Amino acid sequence: MKQDEKPEKPKEKYFYFVDGDKFESENEFTTGAIIKSKLPDAKRGYALYLEGHSNDPDTLINDDTSISLEKEKGPKRFYTVPPASFGIK
């Protein structure tokens, strides 16, 4: 390294939670499909929701939905919901 060069900063990691489990990403932006790909096989077909803050409603995250992992009021928190099977006997 030359004297006038600054050392490279380590790349920032972005943290988020799904169903209480912590995950990390080196990318600020991700998609619902990428988040689901890190889940156990049994949960990959579930619906994914982003928890809203205070009075904000929770948001359904589709596979093609782009999400910023930048912290707002802490790391993003997601949860999964299994598909409904109402009326099936």
Protein backbone atom coordinates (compact mmCIF):
# COMPACT_ATOMS: atom_id res chain seq x y z
CA MET A 1 0.00 0.00 0.00
CA LYS A 2 1.31 3.43 -0.92
CA GLN A 3 1.66 6.09 1.73
CA ASP A 4 -1.15 8.28 0.35
CA GLU A 5 -3.63 5.39 -0.02
CA LYS A 6 -6.22 4.84 2.66
CA PRO A 7 -6.89 1.30 3.83
CA GLU A 8 -10.14 -0.12 2.48
CA LYS A 9 -13.05 -0.11 4.88
CA PRO A 10 -14.47 -3.54 5.55
CA LYS A 11 -17.69 -4.02 3.60
CA GLU A 12 -20.73 -3.26 5.74
CA LYS A 13 -22.96 -6.20 6.60
CA TYR A 14 -26.72 -5.86 6.79
CA PHE A 15 -28.62 -7.90 9.35
CA TYR A 16 -32.26 -8.94 9.36
CA PHE A 17 -34.46 -11.46 11.16
CA VAL A 18 -36.97 -14.00 9.86
CA ASP A 19 -39.15 -15.73 12.45
CA GLY A 20 -36.63 -14.66 15.10
CA ASP A 21 -33.60 -16.17 13.31
CA LYS A 22 -30.78 -13.76 12.41
CA PHE A 23 -29.46 -13.56 8.84
CA GLU A 24 -26.86 -11.30 7.26
CA SER A 25 -26.19 -9.96 3.79
CA GLU A 26 -23.35 -8.00 2.23
CA ASN A 27 -25.87 -6.30 -0.06
CA GLU A 28 -28.05 -3.39 1.00
CA PHE A 29 -30.86 -4.53 -1.29
CA THR A 30 -32.39 -8.00 -1.53
CA THR A 31 -35.62 -9.61 -2.74
CA GLY A 32 -38.27 -11.80 -1.18
CA ALA A 33 -36.96 -14.75 -3.23
CA ILE A 34 -33.42 -14.34 -1.89
CA ILE A 35 -34.66 -14.13 1.70
CA LYS A 36 -36.82 -17.25 1.23
CA SER A 37 -33.87 -19.13 -0.34
CA LYS A 38 -32.07 -18.93 3.02
CA LEU A 39 -34.99 -20.47 4.93
CA PRO A 40 -35.51 -24.18 5.61
CA ASP A 41 -37.11 -26.01 2.68
CA ALA A 42 -40.42 -26.36 4.52
CA LYS A 43 -40.82 -22.55 4.82
CA ARG A 44 -39.80 -21.54 1.30
CA GLY A 45 -43.39 -21.79 0.03
CA TYR A 46 -44.78 -19.67 2.87
CA ALA A 47 -45.85 -16.04 2.52
CA LEU A 48 -43.23 -13.55 3.77
CA TYR A 49 -44.21 -10.38 5.65
CA LEU A 50 -42.18 -7.38 6.79
CA GLU A 51 -43.23 -6.19 10.25
CA GLY A 52 -44.44 -2.59 10.28
CA HIS A 53 -43.24 -0.09 12.89
CA SER A 54 -45.69 1.13 15.55
CA ASN A 55 -49.00 1.77 13.72
CA ASP A 56 -47.69 0.90 10.24
CA PRO A 57 -49.26 -2.25 8.81
CA ASP A 58 -47.19 -5.33 8.04
CA THR A 59 -46.29 -5.66 4.35
CA LEU A 60 -46.54 -8.77 2.19
CA ILE A 61 -43.20 -9.31 0.44
CA ASN A 62 -43.52 -11.08 -2.92
CA ASP A 63 -40.61 -13.00 -4.44
CA ASP A 64 -39.84 -10.13 -6.84
CA THR A 65 -40.21 -7.36 -4.23
CA SER A 66 -36.96 -5.41 -3.70
CA ILE A 67 -36.23 -4.52 -0.07
CA SER A 68 -33.61 -2.23 1.43
CA LEU A 69 -31.92 -3.81 4.46
CA GLU A 70 -30.75 -0.41 5.69
CA LYS A 71 -31.64 -0.06 9.37
CA GLU A 72 -34.50 2.30 10.15
CA LYS A 73 -35.43 1.60 13.75
CA GLY A 74 -33.18 -1.43 14.07
CA PRO A 75 -32.78 -4.38 11.71
CA LYS A 76 -35.68 -5.40 9.48
CA ARG A 77 -37.89 -8.12 10.91
CA PHE A 78 -39.80 -10.56 8.74
CA TYR A 79 -42.10 -13.46 9.50
CA THR A 80 -43.53 -16.32 7.47
CA VAL A 81 -47.12 -17.51 7.23
CA PRO A 82 -48.04 -20.96 5.91
CA PRO A 83 -50.55 -21.13 3.08
CA ALA A 84 -54.16 -21.17 4.26
CA SER A 85 -56.20 -24.31 3.76
CA PHE A 86 -59.63 -23.13 4.85
CA GLY A 87 -62.47 -25.44 3.92
CA ILE A 88 -60.34 -28.43 3.01
CA LYS A 89 -61.57 -31.66 4.58
